[in-house]
Amino acid sequence: MTDTPVNLNKARKARARVAKTTRADENAAKYGRSKRRKTQDKAELSKARHHLDQHRLRED
């Protein structure tokens, strides 16, 4: 056994903190994108729309 008493509230909160950071890391890997990647995706989408608009047939 240990010589010092264990504060159960601190142990419970530490365990919850670890679980929260683990879940946050999983979500960041699953859903998160960097700002650079977001702007790159937005630029690619804009370029693709412009390209399609240029090849649209007129409906006169």
PDB file of N, CA and C in Angstrom:
ATOM      1  N   MET A   1       0.828  -1.180   0.000  1.00  0.00           N
ATOM      2  CA  MET A   1       0.000   0.000   0.000  1.00  0.00           C
ATOM      3  C   MET A   1       0.872   1.242   0.000  1.00  0.00           C
ATOM      4  N   THR A   2       0.238   2.349  -0.398  1.00  0.00           N
ATOM      5  CA  THR A   2       0.978   3.600  -0.410  1.00  0.00           C
ATOM      6  C   THR A   2       0.928   4.252   0.962  1.00  0.00           C
ATOM      7  N   ASP A   3       1.885   5.113   1.195  1.00  0.00           N
ATOM      8  CA  ASP A   3       1.965   5.789   2.488  1.00  0.00           C
ATOM      9  C   ASP A   3       1.035   6.989   2.570  1.00  0.00           C
ATOM     10  N   THR A   4       0.735   7.587   1.416  1.00  0.00           N
ATOM     11  CA  THR A   4      -0.099   8.789   1.427  1.00  0.00           C
ATOM     12  C   THR A   4      -1.519   8.442   0.998  1.00  0.00           C
ATOM     13  N   PRO A   5      -2.504   9.118   1.571  1.00  0.00           N
ATOM     14  CA  PRO A   5      -3.890   8.873   1.169  1.00  0.00           C
ATOM     15  C   PRO A   5      -4.147   9.421  -0.236  1.00  0.00           C
ATOM     16  N   VAL A   6      -5.086   8.816  -0.933  1.00  0.00           N
ATOM     17  CA  VAL A   6      -5.418   9.211  -2.300  1.00  0.00           C
ATOM     18  C   VAL A   6      -6.708  10.016  -2.262  1.00  0.00           C
ATOM     19  N   ASN A   7      -6.666  11.181  -2.874  1.00  0.00           N
ATOM     20  CA  ASN A   7      -7.861  12.002  -2.974  1.00  0.00           C
ATOM     21  C   ASN A   7      -8.685  11.460  -4.148  1.00  0.00           C
ATOM     22  N   LEU A   8      -9.818  10.869  -3.855  1.00  0.00           N
ATOM     23  CA  LEU A   8     -10.627  10.219  -4.883  1.00  0.00           C
ATOM     24  C   LEU A   8     -11.209  11.215  -5.877  1.00  0.00           C
ATOM     25  N   ASN A   9     -11.519  12.426  -5.429  1.00  0.00           N
ATOM     26  CA  ASN A   9     -12.029  13.435  -6.354  1.00  0.00           C
ATOM     27  C   ASN A   9     -10.987  13.794  -7.401  1.00  0.00           C
ATOM     28  N   LYS A  10      -9.747  13.962  -6.966  1.00  0.00           N
ATOM     29  CA  LYS A  10      -8.674  14.286  -7.914  1.00  0.00           C
ATOM     30  C   LYS A  10      -8.435  13.137  -8.884  1.00  0.00           C
ATOM     31  N   ALA A  11      -8.491  11.911  -8.396  1.00  0.00           N
ATOM     32  CA  ALA A  11      -8.283  10.746  -9.259  1.00  0.00           C
ATOM     33  C   ALA A  11      -9.412  10.638 -10.287  1.00  0.00           C
ATOM     34  N   ARG A  12     -10.639  10.873  -9.853  1.00  0.00           N
ATOM     35  CA  ARG A  12     -11.782  10.796 -10.753  1.00  0.00           C
ATOM     36  C   ARG A  12     -11.697  11.880 -11.825  1.00  0.00           C
ATOM     37  N   LYS A  13     -11.354  13.096 -11.416  1.00  0.00           N
ATOM     38  CA  LYS A  13     -11.247  14.203 -12.360  1.00  0.00           C
ATOM     39  C   LYS A  13     -10.082  14.002 -13.333  1.00  0.00           C
ATOM     40  N   ALA A  14      -8.996  13.447 -12.866  1.00  0.00           N
ATOM     41  CA  ALA A  14      -7.858  13.177 -13.746  1.00  0.00           C
ATOM     42  C   ALA A  14      -8.217  12.123 -14.787  1.00  0.00           C
ATOM     43  N   ARG A  15      -8.935  11.094 -14.347  1.00  0.00           N
ATOM     44  CA  ARG A  15      -9.362  10.049 -15.275  1.00  0.00           C
ATOM     45  C   ARG A  15     -10.324  10.629 -16.322  1.00  0.00           C
ATOM     46  N   ALA A  16     -11.240  11.505 -15.910  1.00  0.00           N
ATOM     47  CA  ALA A  16     -12.176  12.147 -16.835  1.00  0.00           C
ATOM     48  C   ALA A  16     -11.443  13.063 -17.813  1.00  0.00           C
ATOM     49  N   ARG A  17     -10.408  13.754 -17.313  1.00  0.00           N
ATOM     50  CA  ARG A  17      -9.628  14.647 -18.165  1.00  0.00           C
ATOM     51  C   ARG A  17      -8.916  13.866 -19.261  1.00  0.00           C
ATOM     52  N   VAL A  18      -8.362  12.723 -18.906  1.00  0.00           N
ATOM     53  CA  VAL A  18      -7.664  11.890 -19.886  1.00  0.00           C
ATOM     54  C   VAL A  18      -8.650  11.368 -20.932  1.00  0.00           C
ATOM     55  N   ALA A  19      -9.820  10.947 -20.492  1.00  0.00           N
ATOM     56  CA  ALA A  19     -10.834  10.451 -21.425  1.00  0.00           C
ATOM     57  C   ALA A  19     -11.290  11.558 -22.370  1.00  0.00           C
ATOM     58  N   LYS A  20     -11.433  12.768 -21.856  1.00  0.00           N
ATOM     59  CA  LYS A  20     -11.878  13.894 -22.673  1.00  0.00           C
ATOM     60  C   LYS A  20     -10.837  14.259 -23.736  1.00  0.00           C
ATOM     61  N   THR A  21      -9.562  14.280 -23.345  1.00  0.00           N
ATOM     62  CA  THR A  21      -8.532  14.611 -24.318  1.00  0.00           C
ATOM     63  C   THR A  21      -8.383  13.507 -25.366  1.00  0.00           C
ATOM     64  N   THR A  22      -8.561  12.266 -24.965  1.00  0.00           N
ATOM     65  CA  THR A  22      -8.494  11.157 -25.914  1.00  0.00           C
ATOM     66  C   THR A  22      -9.608  11.280 -26.951  1.00  0.00           C
ATOM     67  N   ARG A  23     -10.807  11.568 -26.479  1.00  0.00           N
ATOM     68  CA  ARG A  23     -11.941  11.724 -27.394  1.00  0.00           C
ATOM     69  C   ARG A  23     -11.747  12.933 -28.296  1.00  0.00           C
ATOM     70  N   ALA A  24     -11.214  14.013 -27.768  1.00  0.00           N
ATOM     71  CA  ALA A  24     -10.957  15.207 -28.568  1.00  0.00           C
ATOM     72  C   ALA A  24      -9.933  14.924 -29.664  1.00  0.00           C
ATOM     73  N   ASP A  25      -8.903  14.165 -29.336  1.00  0.00           N
ATOM     74  CA  ASP A  25      -7.891  13.809 -30.335  1.00  0.00           C
ATOM     75  C   ASP A  25      -8.487  12.934 -31.432  1.00  0.00           C
ATOM     76  N   GLU A  26      -9.351  12.003 -31.051  1.00  0.00           N
ATOM     77  CA  GLU A  26     -10.002  11.150 -32.042  1.00  0.00           C
ATOM     78  C   GLU A  26     -10.883  11.978 -32.966  1.00  0.00           C
ATOM     79  N   ASN A  27     -11.641  12.909 -32.410  1.00  0.00           N
ATOM     80  CA  ASN A  27     -12.504  13.750 -33.228  1.00  0.00           C
ATOM     81  C   ASN A  27     -11.703  14.672 -34.133  1.00  0.00           C
ATOM     82  N   ALA A  28     -10.592  15.178 -33.647  1.00  0.00           N
ATOM     83  CA  ALA A  28      -9.755  16.043 -34.465  1.00  0.00           C
ATOM     84  C   ALA A  28      -9.195  15.277 -35.658  1.00  0.00           C
ATOM     85  N   ALA A  29      -8.812  14.043 -35.437  1.00  0.00           N
ATOM     86  CA  ALA A  29      -8.289  13.230 -36.533  1.00  0.00           C
ATOM     87  C   ALA A  29      -9.395  12.853 -37.507  1.00  0.00           C
ATOM     88  N   LYS A  30     -10.593  12.673 -36.999  1.00  0.00           N
ATOM     89  CA  LYS A  30     -11.700  12.225 -37.831  1.00  0.00           C
ATOM     90  C   LYS A  30     -12.339  13.370 -38.616  1.00  0.00           C
ATOM     91  N   TYR A  31     -12.570  14.507 -37.966  1.00  0.00           N
ATOM     92  CA  TYR A  31     -13.321  15.593 -38.582  1.00  0.00           C
ATOM     93  C   TYR A  31     -12.514  16.844 -38.861  1.00  0.00           C
ATOM     94  N   GLY A  32     -11.433  17.024 -38.165  1.00  0.00           N
ATOM     95  CA  GLY A  32     -10.712  18.280 -38.240  1.00  0.00           C
ATOM     96  C   GLY A  32      -9.915  18.451 -39.515  1.00  0.00           C
ATOM     97  N   ARG A  33      -9.910  19.670 -40.006  1.00  0.00           N
ATOM     98  CA  ARG A  33      -9.077  20.032 -41.141  1.00  0.00           C
ATOM     99  C   ARG A  33      -8.386  21.339 -40.787  1.00  0.00           C
ATOM    100  N   SER A  34      -7.182  21.496 -41.263  1.00  0.00           N
ATOM    101  CA  SER A  34      -6.460  22.725 -40.987  1.00  0.00           C
ATOM    102  C   SER A  34      -7.044  23.856 -41.821  1.00  0.00           C
ATOM    103  N   LYS A  35      -6.742  25.078 -41.440  1.00  0.00           N
ATOM    104  CA  LYS A  35      -7.249  26.240 -42.168  1.00  0.00           C
ATOM    105  C   LYS A  35      -6.727  26.236 -43.606  1.00  0.00           C
ATOM    106  N   ARG A  36      -5.489  25.817 -43.767  1.00  0.00           N
ATOM    107  CA  ARG A  36      -4.903  25.764 -45.109  1.00  0.00           C
ATOM    108  C   ARG A  36      -5.668  24.778 -45.992  1.00  0.00           C
ATOM    109  N   ARG A  37      -6.021  23.623 -45.430  1.00  0.00           N
ATOM    110  CA  ARG A  37      -6.751  22.616 -46.195  1.00  0.00           C
ATOM    111  C   ARG A  37      -8.163  23.103 -46.542  1.00  0.00           C
ATOM    112  N   LYS A  38      -8.812  23.821 -45.605  1.00  0.00           N
ATOM    113  CA  LYS A  38     -10.142  24.362 -45.871  1.00  0.00           C
ATOM    114  C   LYS A  38     -10.113  25.362 -47.016  1.00  0.00           C
ATOM    115  N   THR A  39      -9.131  26.269 -47.005  1.00  0.00           N
ATOM    116  CA  THR A  39      -9.053  27.255 -48.077  1.00  0.00           C
ATOM    117  C   THR A  39      -8.683  26.598 -49.396  1.00  0.00           C
ATOM    118  N   GLN A  40      -7.867  25.561 -49.348  1.00  0.00           N
ATOM    119  CA  GLN A  40      -7.505  24.847 -50.566  1.00  0.00           C
ATOM    120  C   GLN A  40      -8.730  24.147 -51.156  1.00  0.00           C
ATOM    121  N   ASP A  41      -9.530  23.515 -50.326  1.00  0.00           N
ATOM    122  CA  ASP A  41     -10.749  22.860 -50.797  1.00  0.00           C
ATOM    123  C   ASP A  41     -11.731  23.864 -51.379  1.00  0.00           C
ATOM    124  N   LYS A  42     -11.842  25.019 -50.739  1.00  0.00           N
ATOM    125  CA  LYS A  42     -12.742  26.060 -51.220  1.00  0.00           C
ATOM    126  C   LYS A  42     -12.289  26.573 -52.590  1.00  0.00           C
ATOM    127  N   ALA A  43     -10.985  26.748 -52.769  1.00  0.00           N
ATOM    128  CA  ALA A  43     -10.453  27.217 -54.049  1.00  0.00           C
ATOM    129  C   ALA A  43     -10.670  26.174 -55.144  1.00  0.00           C
ATOM    130  N   GLU A  44     -10.480  24.908 -54.816  1.00  0.00           N
ATOM    131  CA  GLU A  44     -10.710  23.848 -55.803  1.00  0.00           C
ATOM    132  C   GLU A  44     -12.176  23.786 -56.214  1.00  0.00           C
ATOM    133  N   LEU A  45     -13.078  23.948 -55.272  1.00  0.00           N
ATOM    134  CA  LEU A  45     -14.505  23.943 -55.576  1.00  0.00           C
ATOM    135  C   LEU A  45     -14.870  25.130 -56.464  1.00  0.00           C
ATOM    136  N   SER A  46     -14.329  26.289 -56.156  1.00  0.00           N
ATOM    137  CA  SER A  46     -14.586  27.476 -56.964  1.00  0.00           C
ATOM    138  C   SER A  46     -14.061  27.290 -58.387  1.00  0.00           C
ATOM    139  N   LYS A  47     -12.885  26.719 -58.515  1.00  0.00           N
ATOM    140  CA  LYS A  47     -12.291  26.484 -59.837  1.00  0.00           C
ATOM    141  C   LYS A  47     -13.136  25.490 -60.639  1.00  0.00           C
ATOM    142  N   ALA A  48     -13.619  24.449 -59.979  1.00  0.00           N
ATOM    143  CA  ALA A  48     -14.439  23.457 -60.667  1.00  0.00           C
ATOM    144  C   ALA A  48     -15.763  24.066 -61.128  1.00  0.00           C
ATOM    145  N   ARG A  49     -16.382  24.892 -60.295  1.00  0.00           N
ATOM    146  CA  ARG A  49     -17.637  25.555 -60.691  1.00  0.00           C
ATOM    147  C   ARG A  49     -17.414  26.480 -61.875  1.00  0.00           C
ATOM    148  N   HIS A  50     -16.326  27.226 -61.840  1.00  0.00           N
ATOM    149  CA  HIS A  50     -16.009  28.133 -62.944  1.00  0.00           C
ATOM    150  C   HIS A  50     -15.792  27.344 -64.232  1.00  0.00           C
ATOM    151  N   HIS A  51     -15.109  26.240 -64.133  1.00  0.00           N
ATOM    152  CA  HIS A  51     -14.848  25.399 -65.301  1.00  0.00           C
ATOM    153  C   HIS A  51     -16.156  24.868 -65.887  1.00  0.00           C
ATOM    154  N   LEU A  52     -17.069  24.437 -65.047  1.00  0.00           N
ATOM    155  CA  LEU A  52     -18.352  23.939 -65.528  1.00  0.00           C
ATOM    156  C   LEU A  52     -19.187  25.052 -66.142  1.00  0.00           C
ATOM    157  N   ASP A  53     -19.150  26.234 -65.552  1.00  0.00           N
ATOM    158  CA  ASP A  53     -19.909  27.362 -66.099  1.00  0.00           C
ATOM    159  C   ASP A  53     -19.399  27.745 -67.475  1.00  0.00           C
ATOM    160  N   GLN A  54     -18.123  27.599 -67.723  1.00  0.00           N
ATOM    161  CA  GLN A  54     -17.567  27.930 -69.026  1.00  0.00           C
ATOM    162  C   GLN A  54     -18.020  26.941 -70.098  1.00  0.00           C
ATOM    163  N   HIS A  55     -18.331  25.726 -69.720  1.00  0.00           N
ATOM    164  CA  HIS A  55     -18.727  24.714 -70.687  1.00  0.00           C
ATOM    165  C   HIS A  55     -20.244  24.520 -70.758  1.00  0.00           C
ATOM    166  N   ARG A  56     -20.981  25.410 -70.144  1.00  0.00           N
ATOM    167  CA  ARG A  56     -22.431  25.311 -70.151  1.00  0.00           C
ATOM    168  C   ARG A  56     -22.967  25.736 -71.506  1.00  0.00           C
ATOM    169  N   LEU A  57     -23.946  25.019 -71.996  1.00  0.00           N
ATOM    170  CA  LEU A  57     -24.582  25.372 -73.254  1.00  0.00           C
ATOM    171  C   LEU A  57     -25.629  26.451 -73.000  1.00  0.00           C
ATOM    172  N   ARG A  58     -25.778  27.343 -73.958  1.00  0.00           N
ATOM    173  CA  ARG A  58     -26.770  28.399 -73.802  1.00  0.00           C
ATOM    174  C   ARG A  58     -28.161  27.836 -74.028  1.00  0.00           C
ATOM    175  N   GLU A  59     -29.105  28.381 -73.296  1.00  0.00           N
ATOM    176  CA  GLU A  59     -30.493  27.931 -73.437  1.00  0.00           C
ATOM    177  C   GLU A  59     -31.346  29.050 -74.021  1.00  0.00           C
ATOM    178  N   ASP A  60     -30.929  29.619 -75.142  1.00  0.00           N
ATOM    179  CA  ASP A  60     -31.687  30.717 -75.793  1.00  0.00           C
ATOM    180  C   ASP A  60     -32.751  30.194 -76.711  1.00  0.00           C
TER     181      ASP A  60
END
